[in-house]
């Protein structure tokens, strides 16, 4: 039986939260206002303590991009990847991926990040499948709307289910690597939950449930 291996991106594969670094860069380059920066940093801080609804934030933030050319966002994201993110892949990731490949496992990113960054990471690491958040594009421009369901929380399980059906794989028999308590809906149902450099809430939950805690 083929096994699906799902991996979160921020603070799991990467040492950083790419959303925080992206929003500061966007502000410095004049693509968002100071008020939008303050809103985002505030939300990220509140989210860290489990008191914020990321789905609402993602939908609101996507509206800031309404009317923008997709190609411009792709170019900025590529530069961001090369300048700030590529060197922040955890070294242990390469060995973990190779171990799974040697067993014939299928790899997929499962992240709340955008497809623009996630696709670049997937190419770098040779990961064939990307489950991520995507913004609607019409006639080469962003509409300001997210494509539903969002890839976050319980929504991640929906994306994993879709991929499993496409590949003919029971994804629940596989693995999921993540750092975040918000990914509990997926961790609870996979056969092999793997907690990586977890936030405080997930660390407590992992100890309680006897899940593997990995410090990459």
N, C-alpha and C. Protein backbone atom coordinates (compact mmCIF):
# COMPACT_ATOMS: atom_id res chain seq x y z
N UNK A 1 0.84 -1.20 0.00
CA UNK A 1 0.00 0.00 0.00
C UNK A 1 0.88 1.26 0.00
N UNK A 2 0.56 2.20 -0.88
CA UNK A 2 1.32 3.45 -0.95
C UNK A 2 0.98 4.35 0.23
N UNK A 3 1.98 5.02 0.76
CA UNK A 3 1.81 5.88 1.93
C UNK A 3 2.02 7.33 1.54
N UNK A 4 1.14 8.22 2.03
CA UNK A 4 1.25 9.65 1.78
C UNK A 4 1.90 10.34 2.97
N UNK A 5 2.90 11.16 2.67
CA UNK A 5 3.62 11.92 3.70
C UNK A 5 3.33 13.40 3.50
N UNK A 6 2.66 14.02 4.46
CA UNK A 6 2.29 15.43 4.41
C UNK A 6 3.22 16.23 5.29
N UNK A 7 3.64 17.40 4.80
CA UNK A 7 4.57 18.24 5.56
C UNK A 7 4.10 19.69 5.57
N UNK A 8 4.03 20.27 6.75
CA UNK A 8 3.75 21.69 6.90
C UNK A 8 5.00 22.46 6.45
N UNK A 9 4.82 23.77 6.22
CA UNK A 9 5.94 24.58 5.73
C UNK A 9 6.57 25.45 6.81
N UNK A 10 5.84 26.48 7.27
CA UNK A 10 6.42 27.44 8.21
C UNK A 10 6.75 26.80 9.55
N UNK A 11 7.98 27.01 9.98
CA UNK A 11 8.51 26.50 11.25
C UNK A 11 8.51 24.97 11.33
N UNK A 12 8.31 24.33 10.20
CA UNK A 12 8.45 22.87 10.12
C UNK A 12 9.57 22.57 9.13
N UNK A 13 9.30 22.74 7.85
CA UNK A 13 10.37 22.66 6.86
C UNK A 13 11.28 23.88 6.99
N UNK A 14 10.69 25.04 7.21
CA UNK A 14 11.45 26.28 7.37
C UNK A 14 11.70 26.59 8.84
N UNK A 15 12.77 27.30 9.12
CA UNK A 15 13.04 27.73 10.49
C UNK A 15 12.22 28.95 10.87
N UNK A 16 11.61 29.60 9.90
CA UNK A 16 10.93 30.88 10.13
C UNK A 16 9.44 30.79 9.85
N UNK A 17 8.75 31.87 10.20
CA UNK A 17 7.38 32.08 9.74
C UNK A 17 7.48 32.98 8.52
N UNK A 18 7.31 32.41 7.35
CA UNK A 18 7.52 33.17 6.11
C UNK A 18 6.50 34.30 5.97
N UNK A 19 5.32 34.15 6.55
CA UNK A 19 4.30 35.19 6.44
C UNK A 19 4.77 36.48 7.09
N UNK A 20 5.40 36.37 8.26
CA UNK A 20 5.90 37.56 8.95
C UNK A 20 7.00 38.23 8.12
N UNK A 21 7.92 37.44 7.60
CA UNK A 21 9.01 38.02 6.82
C UNK A 21 8.49 38.63 5.51
N UNK A 22 7.50 38.00 4.91
CA UNK A 22 6.92 38.50 3.67
C UNK A 22 6.25 39.85 3.88
N UNK A 23 5.46 39.95 4.94
CA UNK A 23 4.68 41.17 5.12
C UNK A 23 5.59 42.36 5.44
N UNK A 24 6.67 42.13 6.17
CA UNK A 24 7.62 43.21 6.44
C UNK A 24 8.32 43.63 5.16
N UNK A 25 8.66 42.67 4.33
CA UNK A 25 9.31 42.97 3.05
C UNK A 25 8.36 43.76 2.14
N UNK A 26 7.10 43.33 2.08
CA UNK A 26 6.11 44.03 1.26
C UNK A 26 5.95 45.49 1.71
N UNK A 27 5.99 45.70 3.01
CA UNK A 27 5.87 47.06 3.54
C UNK A 27 7.10 47.89 3.17
N UNK A 28 8.28 47.32 3.35
CA UNK A 28 9.51 48.04 3.03
C UNK A 28 9.57 48.43 1.55
N UNK A 29 9.00 47.59 0.70
CA UNK A 29 9.03 47.85 -0.74
C UNK A 29 7.83 48.69 -1.21
N UNK A 30 6.98 49.09 -0.27
CA UNK A 30 5.87 49.97 -0.60
C UNK A 30 4.65 49.31 -1.20
N UNK A 31 4.53 47.99 -1.05
CA UNK A 31 3.39 47.29 -1.63
C UNK A 31 2.18 47.26 -0.69
N UNK A 32 2.40 47.49 0.60
CA UNK A 32 1.29 47.59 1.56
C UNK A 32 1.54 48.81 2.44
N UNK A 33 0.49 49.27 3.10
CA UNK A 33 0.58 50.45 3.95
C UNK A 33 1.09 50.08 5.35
N UNK A 34 1.47 51.10 6.10
CA UNK A 34 1.89 50.87 7.48
C UNK A 34 0.73 50.29 8.29
N UNK A 35 -0.48 50.75 8.03
CA UNK A 35 -1.64 50.22 8.75
C UNK A 35 -1.84 48.73 8.44
N UNK A 36 -1.65 48.33 7.20
CA UNK A 36 -1.77 46.92 6.85
C UNK A 36 -0.68 46.09 7.52
N UNK A 37 0.52 46.66 7.62
CA UNK A 37 1.61 45.99 8.33
C UNK A 37 1.24 45.79 9.79
N UNK A 38 0.76 46.85 10.44
CA UNK A 38 0.39 46.78 11.85
C UNK A 38 -0.72 45.76 12.07
N UNK A 39 -1.70 45.76 11.19
CA UNK A 39 -2.79 44.78 11.29
C UNK A 39 -2.25 43.35 11.22
N UNK A 40 -1.35 43.12 10.29
CA UNK A 40 -0.83 41.76 10.10
C UNK A 40 0.04 41.32 11.27
N UNK A 41 0.94 42.16 11.72
CA UNK A 41 1.80 41.81 12.85
C UNK A 41 0.96 41.57 14.09
N UNK A 42 -0.08 42.40 14.27
CA UNK A 42 -0.97 42.21 15.40
C UNK A 42 -1.69 40.89 15.33
N UNK A 43 -2.18 40.56 14.14
CA UNK A 43 -2.87 39.28 13.98
C UNK A 43 -1.93 38.11 14.22
N UNK A 44 -0.71 38.17 13.69
CA UNK A 44 0.24 37.08 13.88
C UNK A 44 0.57 36.87 15.35
N UNK A 45 0.67 37.98 16.09
CA UNK A 45 0.96 37.89 17.52
C UNK A 45 -0.19 37.22 18.27
N UNK A 46 -1.40 37.65 17.94
CA UNK A 46 -2.58 37.07 18.59
C UNK A 46 -2.75 35.60 18.20
N UNK A 47 -2.48 35.31 16.93
CA UNK A 47 -2.59 33.93 16.45
C UNK A 47 -1.62 33.01 17.19
N UNK A 48 -0.44 33.52 17.48
CA UNK A 48 0.56 32.71 18.19
C UNK A 48 0.01 32.18 19.51
N UNK A 49 -0.89 32.95 20.11
CA UNK A 49 -1.47 32.54 21.40
C UNK A 49 -2.82 31.87 21.23
N UNK A 50 -3.19 31.55 20.00
CA UNK A 50 -4.41 30.80 19.76
C UNK A 50 -5.68 31.59 19.92
N UNK A 51 -5.61 32.89 19.73
CA UNK A 51 -6.79 33.73 19.95
C UNK A 51 -7.22 34.48 18.68
N UNK A 52 -6.91 33.93 17.54
CA UNK A 52 -7.25 34.62 16.29
C UNK A 52 -7.73 33.61 15.25
N UNK A 53 -8.66 34.04 14.41
CA UNK A 53 -9.20 33.20 13.36
C UNK A 53 -8.44 33.47 12.07
N UNK A 54 -7.58 32.55 11.70
CA UNK A 54 -6.73 32.75 10.53
C UNK A 54 -7.55 32.80 9.24
N UNK A 55 -8.67 32.11 9.21
CA UNK A 55 -9.47 32.10 7.99
C UNK A 55 -9.98 33.50 7.66
N UNK A 56 -10.47 34.20 8.66
CA UNK A 56 -10.95 35.56 8.46
C UNK A 56 -9.82 36.46 8.00
N UNK A 57 -8.66 36.31 8.62
CA UNK A 57 -7.51 37.13 8.24
C UNK A 57 -7.10 36.88 6.80
N UNK A 58 -7.02 35.62 6.40
CA UNK A 58 -6.60 35.30 5.03
C UNK A 58 -7.55 35.90 4.00
N UNK A 59 -8.83 35.82 4.28
CA UNK A 59 -9.81 36.38 3.34
C UNK A 59 -9.69 37.90 3.27
N UNK A 60 -9.50 38.52 4.43
CA UNK A 60 -9.37 39.98 4.45
C UNK A 60 -8.08 40.43 3.75
N UNK A 61 -6.97 39.74 4.04
CA UNK A 61 -5.68 40.12 3.46
C UNK A 61 -5.68 39.94 1.94
N UNK A 62 -6.40 38.94 1.46
CA UNK A 62 -6.43 38.72 0.01
C UNK A 62 -7.08 39.88 -0.72
N UNK A 63 -7.96 40.58 -0.04
CA UNK A 63 -8.62 41.73 -0.67
C UNK A 63 -7.63 42.85 -0.98
N UNK A 64 -6.52 42.89 -0.23
CA UNK A 64 -5.50 43.91 -0.49
C UNK A 64 -4.89 43.74 -1.87
N UNK A 65 -4.97 42.52 -2.41
CA UNK A 65 -4.32 42.21 -3.69
C UNK A 65 -5.25 42.41 -4.88
N UNK A 66 -6.48 42.81 -4.64
CA UNK A 66 -7.44 42.94 -5.73
C UNK A 66 -6.93 43.84 -6.85
N UNK A 67 -6.98 43.35 -8.05
CA UNK A 67 -6.56 44.10 -9.22
C UNK A 67 -5.08 43.98 -9.56
N UNK A 68 -4.30 43.36 -8.68
CA UNK A 68 -2.87 43.21 -8.94
C UNK A 68 -2.62 42.17 -10.03
N UNK A 69 -1.56 42.36 -10.79
CA UNK A 69 -1.18 41.38 -11.80
C UNK A 69 -0.54 40.17 -11.12
N UNK A 70 -1.00 38.99 -11.49
CA UNK A 70 -0.44 37.78 -10.89
C UNK A 70 1.06 37.68 -11.16
N UNK A 71 1.49 38.05 -12.36
CA UNK A 71 2.90 37.93 -12.71
C UNK A 71 3.78 38.79 -11.81
N UNK A 72 3.26 39.94 -11.35
CA UNK A 72 4.03 40.78 -10.44
C UNK A 72 4.21 40.11 -9.10
N UNK A 73 3.15 39.48 -8.61
CA UNK A 73 3.23 38.77 -7.34
C UNK A 73 4.17 37.57 -7.44
N UNK A 74 4.13 36.89 -8.57
CA UNK A 74 5.02 35.75 -8.78
C UNK A 74 6.49 36.20 -8.76
N UNK A 75 6.76 37.34 -9.40
CA UNK A 75 8.13 37.85 -9.43
C UNK A 75 8.60 38.26 -8.04
N UNK A 76 7.75 38.96 -7.29
CA UNK A 76 8.14 39.38 -5.94
C UNK A 76 8.35 38.18 -5.03
N UNK A 77 7.52 37.17 -5.19
CA UNK A 77 7.66 35.98 -4.36
C UNK A 77 8.95 35.23 -4.70
N UNK A 78 9.28 35.16 -5.98
CA UNK A 78 10.52 34.49 -6.37
C UNK A 78 11.73 35.22 -5.78
N UNK A 79 11.72 36.53 -5.82
CA UNK A 79 12.83 37.30 -5.24
C UNK A 79 12.89 37.11 -3.73
N UNK A 80 11.74 37.08 -3.09
CA UNK A 80 11.64 36.83 -1.65
C UNK A 80 12.23 35.46 -1.31
N UNK A 81 11.90 34.46 -2.09
CA UNK A 81 12.42 33.11 -1.90
C UNK A 81 13.94 33.10 -2.00
N UNK A 82 14.47 33.71 -3.03
CA UNK A 82 15.91 33.69 -3.24
C UNK A 82 16.66 34.51 -2.18
N UNK A 83 16.09 35.65 -1.81
CA UNK A 83 16.77 36.55 -0.88
C UNK A 83 16.65 36.13 0.58
N UNK A 84 15.47 35.62 0.97
CA UNK A 84 15.17 35.50 2.40
C UNK A 84 14.79 34.11 2.88
N UNK A 85 14.31 33.24 2.04
CA UNK A 85 13.70 32.01 2.52
C UNK A 85 14.49 30.75 2.17
N UNK A 86 15.08 30.71 1.00
CA UNK A 86 15.71 29.46 0.56
C UNK A 86 16.73 28.93 1.56
N UNK A 87 17.48 29.81 2.18
CA UNK A 87 18.51 29.37 3.12
C UNK A 87 17.94 28.99 4.48
N UNK A 88 16.62 29.11 4.67
CA UNK A 88 16.01 28.81 5.96
C UNK A 88 15.33 27.43 6.00
N UNK A 89 15.62 26.60 5.01
CA UNK A 89 15.16 25.21 5.07
C UNK A 89 15.99 24.47 6.13
N UNK A 90 15.32 23.77 7.02
CA UNK A 90 16.03 23.03 8.07
C UNK A 90 16.88 21.93 7.43
N UNK A 91 18.16 21.82 7.81
CA UNK A 91 19.03 20.79 7.22
C UNK A 91 18.49 19.38 7.36
N UNK A 92 17.81 19.08 8.47
CA UNK A 92 17.30 17.72 8.71
C UNK A 92 16.24 17.31 7.69
N UNK A 93 15.61 18.29 7.06
CA UNK A 93 14.53 18.00 6.12
C UNK A 93 15.00 17.09 4.99
N UNK A 94 16.18 17.35 4.48
CA UNK A 94 16.68 16.59 3.33
C UNK A 94 16.79 15.09 3.66
N UNK A 95 17.30 14.77 4.84
CA UNK A 95 17.43 13.37 5.23
C UNK A 95 16.07 12.72 5.43
N UNK A 96 15.14 13.45 6.03
CA UNK A 96 13.80 12.91 6.26
C UNK A 96 13.11 12.60 4.94
N UNK A 97 13.20 13.53 4.00
CA UNK A 97 12.58 13.31 2.70
C UNK A 97 13.20 12.11 1.99
N UNK A 98 14.51 11.98 2.08
CA UNK A 98 15.19 10.86 1.42
C UNK A 98 14.78 9.52 2.05
N UNK A 99 14.60 9.50 3.35
CA UNK A 99 14.16 8.28 4.03
C UNK A 99 12.78 7.85 3.52
N UNK A 100 11.90 8.81 3.37
CA UNK A 100 10.56 8.47 2.88
C UNK A 100 10.60 8.05 1.42
N UNK A 101 11.39 8.73 0.61
CA UNK A 101 11.50 8.35 -0.80
C UNK A 101 12.03 6.91 -0.93
N UNK A 102 12.99 6.55 -0.09
CA UNK A 102 13.58 5.21 -0.16
C UNK A 102 12.57 4.12 0.16
N UNK A 103 11.50 4.52 0.85
CA UNK A 103 10.43 3.56 1.18
C UNK A 103 9.28 3.61 0.19
N UNK A 104 9.44 4.44 -0.85
CA UNK A 104 8.41 4.53 -1.86
C UNK A 104 7.22 5.39 -1.47
N UNK A 105 7.38 6.24 -0.46
CA UNK A 105 6.29 7.08 -0.01
C UNK A 105 6.09 8.27 -0.95
N UNK A 106 4.87 8.78 -0.99
CA UNK A 106 4.51 9.94 -1.80
C UNK A 106 4.54 11.18 -0.91
N UNK A 107 5.23 12.24 -1.37
CA UNK A 107 5.42 13.45 -0.57
C UNK A 107 4.50 14.57 -1.03
N UNK A 108 4.01 15.36 -0.05
CA UNK A 108 3.16 16.50 -0.38
C UNK A 108 3.32 17.58 0.68
N UNK A 109 3.38 18.84 0.25
CA UNK A 109 3.29 19.95 1.18
C UNK A 109 1.83 20.15 1.55
N UNK A 110 1.59 20.48 2.81
CA UNK A 110 0.24 20.80 3.28
C UNK A 110 0.37 22.04 4.16
N UNK A 111 0.09 23.20 3.58
CA UNK A 111 0.44 24.45 4.23
C UNK A 111 -0.60 25.55 4.00
N UNK A 112 -0.68 26.44 4.98
CA UNK A 112 -1.56 27.61 4.85
C UNK A 112 -0.89 28.72 4.04
N UNK A 113 0.36 28.53 3.67
CA UNK A 113 1.06 29.51 2.85
C UNK A 113 0.46 29.56 1.45
N UNK A 114 0.88 30.55 0.68
CA UNK A 114 0.36 30.68 -0.69
C UNK A 114 1.04 29.67 -1.61
N UNK A 115 0.38 29.39 -2.72
CA UNK A 115 0.97 28.50 -3.71
C UNK A 115 2.21 29.12 -4.34
N UNK A 116 2.31 30.45 -4.35
CA UNK A 116 3.44 31.10 -5.01
C UNK A 116 4.74 30.75 -4.31
N UNK A 117 4.75 30.75 -2.99
CA UNK A 117 5.95 30.36 -2.25
C UNK A 117 6.06 28.84 -2.15
N UNK A 118 4.95 28.19 -1.88
CA UNK A 118 4.97 26.74 -1.68
C UNK A 118 5.47 26.00 -2.92
N UNK A 119 5.09 26.47 -4.09
CA UNK A 119 5.53 25.81 -5.32
C UNK A 119 7.06 25.88 -5.47
N UNK A 120 7.64 27.00 -5.05
CA UNK A 120 9.10 27.15 -5.13
C UNK A 120 9.80 26.20 -4.17
N UNK A 121 9.24 26.07 -2.97
CA UNK A 121 9.81 25.14 -1.99
C UNK A 121 9.72 23.71 -2.52
N UNK A 122 8.58 23.37 -3.09
CA UNK A 122 8.38 22.01 -3.59
C UNK A 122 9.38 21.66 -4.69
N UNK A 123 9.64 22.59 -5.59
CA UNK A 123 10.62 22.36 -6.65
C UNK A 123 12.01 22.15 -6.04
N UNK A 124 12.36 22.99 -5.09
CA UNK A 124 13.68 22.90 -4.44
C UNK A 124 13.88 21.54 -3.78
N UNK A 125 12.83 21.02 -3.15
CA UNK A 125 12.95 19.78 -2.37
C UNK A 125 12.49 18.54 -3.13
N UNK A 126 12.02 18.72 -4.36
CA UNK A 126 11.57 17.57 -5.13
C UNK A 126 10.29 16.96 -4.59
N UNK A 127 9.40 17.79 -4.07
CA UNK A 127 8.11 17.33 -3.54
C UNK A 127 7.07 17.49 -4.64
N UNK A 128 6.44 16.41 -5.07
CA UNK A 128 5.59 16.48 -6.28
C UNK A 128 4.21 17.09 -6.09
N UNK A 129 3.71 17.17 -4.86
CA UNK A 129 2.35 17.64 -4.65
C UNK A 129 2.33 18.81 -3.67
N UNK A 130 1.52 19.83 -3.98
CA UNK A 130 1.42 21.02 -3.13
C UNK A 130 -0.04 21.29 -2.81
N UNK A 131 -0.37 21.26 -1.52
CA UNK A 131 -1.69 21.63 -1.02
C UNK A 131 -1.50 22.92 -0.24
N UNK A 132 -2.07 24.02 -0.75
CA UNK A 132 -1.81 25.32 -0.15
C UNK A 132 -2.98 26.26 -0.43
N UNK A 133 -2.91 27.45 0.11
CA UNK A 133 -3.92 28.45 -0.19
C UNK A 133 -3.64 29.10 -1.54
N UNK A 134 -4.71 29.38 -2.25
CA UNK A 134 -4.60 29.97 -3.58
C UNK A 134 -5.60 31.11 -3.72
N UNK A 135 -5.18 32.13 -4.43
CA UNK A 135 -6.06 33.26 -4.68
C UNK A 135 -6.66 33.16 -6.08
N UNK A 136 -7.87 33.63 -6.21
CA UNK A 136 -8.56 33.58 -7.49
C UNK A 136 -7.91 34.55 -8.48
N UNK A 137 -7.73 34.09 -9.70
CA UNK A 137 -7.15 34.90 -10.77
C UNK A 137 -8.09 34.90 -11.96
N UNK A 138 -8.42 36.09 -12.46
CA UNK A 138 -9.26 36.23 -13.66
C UNK A 138 -8.56 37.17 -14.63
N UNK A 139 -8.33 36.71 -15.84
CA UNK A 139 -7.67 37.53 -16.86
C UNK A 139 -6.33 38.08 -16.37
N UNK A 140 -5.56 37.21 -15.74
CA UNK A 140 -4.19 37.48 -15.27
C UNK A 140 -4.12 38.39 -14.04
N UNK A 141 -5.26 38.77 -13.48
CA UNK A 141 -5.24 39.65 -12.31
C UNK A 141 -5.95 38.97 -11.12
N UNK A 142 -5.46 39.29 -9.93
CA UNK A 142 -6.04 38.75 -8.71
C UNK A 142 -7.36 39.46 -8.43
N UNK A 143 -8.37 38.68 -8.05
CA UNK A 143 -9.69 39.25 -7.81
C UNK A 143 -9.87 39.74 -6.37
N UNK A 144 -8.96 39.34 -5.48
CA UNK A 144 -9.12 39.68 -4.07
C UNK A 144 -9.86 38.62 -3.29
N UNK A 145 -10.17 37.51 -3.95
CA UNK A 145 -10.87 36.41 -3.27
C UNK A 145 -9.98 35.18 -3.18
N UNK A 146 -10.13 34.43 -2.08
CA UNK A 146 -9.43 33.17 -1.90
C UNK A 146 -10.24 32.04 -2.51
N UNK A 147 -9.56 31.00 -2.97
CA UNK A 147 -10.24 29.80 -3.44
C UNK A 147 -10.55 28.93 -2.23
N UNK A 148 -11.81 28.59 -2.08
CA UNK A 148 -12.27 27.80 -0.94
C UNK A 148 -12.24 26.30 -1.29
N UNK A 149 -12.13 25.41 -0.29
CA UNK A 149 -11.93 25.71 1.12
C UNK A 149 -10.50 26.14 1.40
N UNK A 150 -10.34 26.99 2.40
CA UNK A 150 -9.00 27.42 2.77
C UNK A 150 -8.20 26.25 3.31
N UNK A 151 -6.91 26.28 3.06
CA UNK A 151 -6.02 25.22 3.52
C UNK A 151 -5.48 25.61 4.89
N UNK A 152 -6.31 25.45 5.89
CA UNK A 152 -5.95 25.78 7.26
C UNK A 152 -6.86 25.01 8.20
N UNK A 153 -6.31 24.56 9.35
CA UNK A 153 -7.12 23.85 10.34
C UNK A 153 -7.82 22.65 9.73
N UNK A 154 -9.13 22.57 9.97
CA UNK A 154 -9.90 21.46 9.43
C UNK A 154 -9.89 21.46 7.90
N UNK A 155 -9.68 22.63 7.30
CA UNK A 155 -9.60 22.71 5.84
C UNK A 155 -8.43 21.91 5.28
N UNK A 156 -7.36 21.79 6.06
CA UNK A 156 -6.23 20.99 5.59
C UNK A 156 -6.62 19.53 5.40
N UNK A 157 -7.48 19.03 6.28
CA UNK A 157 -7.94 17.65 6.15
C UNK A 157 -8.74 17.46 4.87
N UNK A 158 -9.52 18.47 4.49
CA UNK A 158 -10.28 18.40 3.24
C UNK A 158 -9.34 18.33 2.04
N UNK A 159 -8.29 19.15 2.06
CA UNK A 159 -7.32 19.13 0.96
C UNK A 159 -6.59 17.78 0.90
N UNK A 160 -6.23 17.25 2.06
CA UNK A 160 -5.56 15.95 2.10
C UNK A 160 -6.47 14.85 1.58
N UNK A 161 -7.74 14.93 1.91
CA UNK A 161 -8.71 13.94 1.44
C UNK A 161 -8.83 13.98 -0.08
N UNK A 162 -8.87 15.17 -0.64
CA UNK A 162 -8.96 15.31 -2.10
C UNK A 162 -7.75 14.70 -2.78
N UNK A 163 -6.56 14.99 -2.25
CA UNK A 163 -5.35 14.44 -2.86
C UNK A 163 -5.33 12.93 -2.73
N UNK A 164 -5.71 12.43 -1.57
CA UNK A 164 -5.77 10.99 -1.39
C UNK A 164 -6.68 10.32 -2.40
N UNK A 165 -7.82 10.92 -2.66
CA UNK A 165 -8.75 10.37 -3.64
C UNK A 165 -8.15 10.41 -5.04
N UNK A 166 -7.49 11.51 -5.39
CA UNK A 166 -6.87 11.63 -6.72
C UNK A 166 -5.81 10.56 -6.94
N UNK A 167 -5.05 10.27 -5.88
CA UNK A 167 -3.93 9.33 -5.99
C UNK A 167 -4.32 7.90 -5.65
N UNK A 168 -5.53 7.71 -5.14
CA UNK A 168 -5.95 6.37 -4.73
C UNK A 168 -5.22 5.91 -3.49
N UNK A 169 -4.94 6.87 -2.57
CA UNK A 169 -4.20 6.58 -1.35
C UNK A 169 -5.07 6.93 -0.14
N UNK A 170 -5.07 6.07 0.86
CA UNK A 170 -5.73 6.39 2.13
C UNK A 170 -4.78 7.27 2.93
N UNK A 171 -4.97 8.59 2.84
CA UNK A 171 -4.04 9.53 3.46
C UNK A 171 -4.01 9.39 4.98
N UNK A 172 -5.07 8.89 5.57
CA UNK A 172 -5.12 8.74 7.02
C UNK A 172 -4.14 7.68 7.54
N UNK A 173 -3.67 6.83 6.64
CA UNK A 173 -2.69 5.81 7.04
C UNK A 173 -1.26 6.33 6.94
N UNK A 174 -1.11 7.61 6.61
CA UNK A 174 0.21 8.16 6.38
C UNK A 174 0.76 9.00 7.51
N UNK A 175 1.62 9.97 7.14
CA UNK A 175 2.37 10.79 8.08
C UNK A 175 1.96 12.26 7.92
N UNK A 176 2.11 13.00 9.01
CA UNK A 176 1.99 14.46 8.93
C UNK A 176 3.00 15.08 9.88
N UNK A 177 3.87 15.95 9.32
CA UNK A 177 4.88 16.67 10.08
C UNK A 177 4.44 18.13 10.23
N UNK A 178 4.36 18.63 11.46
CA UNK A 178 3.97 20.02 11.66
C UNK A 178 4.43 20.53 13.03
N UNK A 179 4.50 21.85 13.12
CA UNK A 179 4.88 22.51 14.38
C UNK A 179 3.69 23.10 15.11
N UNK A 180 2.52 23.16 14.48
CA UNK A 180 1.45 24.05 14.94
C UNK A 180 0.24 23.33 15.52
N UNK A 181 -0.24 23.86 16.62
CA UNK A 181 -1.45 23.35 17.27
C UNK A 181 -2.66 23.47 16.35
N UNK A 182 -2.64 24.46 15.47
CA UNK A 182 -3.77 24.65 14.55
C UNK A 182 -3.94 23.47 13.60
N UNK A 183 -2.92 22.61 13.50
CA UNK A 183 -2.98 21.45 12.62
C UNK A 183 -3.50 20.20 13.32
N UNK A 184 -4.05 20.39 14.51
CA UNK A 184 -4.57 19.25 15.27
C UNK A 184 -5.60 18.43 14.49
N UNK A 185 -6.49 19.05 13.68
CA UNK A 185 -7.47 18.24 12.94
C UNK A 185 -6.85 17.20 12.01
N UNK A 186 -5.64 17.44 11.54
CA UNK A 186 -4.96 16.45 10.70
C UNK A 186 -4.14 15.50 11.57
N UNK A 187 -3.44 16.03 12.54
CA UNK A 187 -2.63 15.19 13.43
C UNK A 187 -3.46 14.11 14.11
N UNK A 188 -4.69 14.45 14.45
CA UNK A 188 -5.54 13.51 15.19
C UNK A 188 -5.97 12.31 14.36
N UNK A 189 -5.92 12.42 13.04
CA UNK A 189 -6.48 11.34 12.23
C UNK A 189 -5.43 10.54 11.46
N UNK A 190 -4.19 11.06 11.34
CA UNK A 190 -3.18 10.30 10.61
C UNK A 190 -2.59 9.21 11.50
N UNK A 191 -2.11 8.16 10.86
CA UNK A 191 -1.54 7.04 11.61
C UNK A 191 -0.21 7.41 12.26
N UNK A 192 0.52 8.36 11.61
CA UNK A 192 1.85 8.70 12.10
C UNK A 192 1.98 10.22 12.28
N UNK A 193 1.47 10.77 13.38
CA UNK A 193 1.63 12.20 13.65
C UNK A 193 3.05 12.49 14.11
N UNK A 194 3.69 13.48 13.48
CA UNK A 194 5.06 13.84 13.80
C UNK A 194 5.11 15.33 14.14
N UNK A 195 5.44 15.64 15.36
CA UNK A 195 5.44 17.02 15.85
C UNK A 195 6.87 17.56 15.78
N UNK A 196 7.05 18.65 15.03
CA UNK A 196 8.38 19.18 14.75
C UNK A 196 8.56 20.56 15.40
N UNK A 197 9.55 20.68 16.30
CA UNK A 197 9.84 21.98 16.93
C UNK A 197 8.54 22.71 17.28
N UNK A 198 7.68 22.10 18.10
CA UNK A 198 6.31 22.57 18.24
C UNK A 198 6.15 23.87 19.03
N UNK A 199 5.01 24.54 18.78
CA UNK A 199 4.64 25.65 19.64
C UNK A 199 4.22 25.07 20.99
N UNK A 200 4.04 25.92 21.98
CA UNK A 200 3.82 25.45 23.35
C UNK A 200 2.56 24.60 23.48
N UNK A 201 1.49 25.03 22.83
CA UNK A 201 0.24 24.27 22.94
C UNK A 201 0.36 22.89 22.32
N UNK A 202 1.02 22.82 21.16
CA UNK A 202 1.17 21.52 20.51
C UNK A 202 2.13 20.63 21.29
N UNK A 203 3.15 21.22 21.88
CA UNK A 203 4.07 20.42 22.68
C UNK A 203 3.35 19.76 23.85
N UNK A 204 2.49 20.51 24.52
CA UNK A 204 1.72 19.94 25.63
C UNK A 204 0.81 18.82 25.13
N UNK A 205 0.16 19.07 24.00
CA UNK A 205 -0.75 18.07 23.44
C UNK A 205 0.00 16.81 23.02
N UNK A 206 1.17 16.98 22.44
CA UNK A 206 1.97 15.84 21.99
C UNK A 206 2.41 14.97 23.17
N UNK A 207 2.83 15.62 24.26
CA UNK A 207 3.21 14.86 25.46
C UNK A 207 2.02 14.08 26.00
N UNK A 208 0.86 14.72 25.99
CA UNK A 208 -0.35 14.09 26.53
C UNK A 208 -0.76 12.88 25.70
N UNK A 209 -0.58 12.98 24.38
CA UNK A 209 -1.02 11.91 23.49
C UNK A 209 0.08 10.91 23.16
N UNK A 210 1.31 11.20 23.58
CA UNK A 210 2.41 10.28 23.30
C UNK A 210 2.91 10.36 21.87
N UNK A 211 2.73 11.51 21.22
CA UNK A 211 3.21 11.68 19.85
C UNK A 211 4.70 11.95 19.81
N UNK A 212 5.34 11.55 18.73
CA UNK A 212 6.77 11.82 18.54
C UNK A 212 7.01 13.33 18.45
N UNK A 213 8.00 13.82 19.18
CA UNK A 213 8.42 15.22 19.08
C UNK A 213 9.83 15.24 18.51
N UNK A 214 9.98 15.88 17.36
CA UNK A 214 11.25 15.93 16.65
C UNK A 214 11.81 17.33 16.68
N UNK A 215 13.07 17.47 17.00
CA UNK A 215 13.71 18.78 17.02
C UNK A 215 14.70 18.84 15.86
N UNK A 216 14.21 19.25 14.71
CA UNK A 216 15.03 19.30 13.50
C UNK A 216 16.01 20.46 13.58
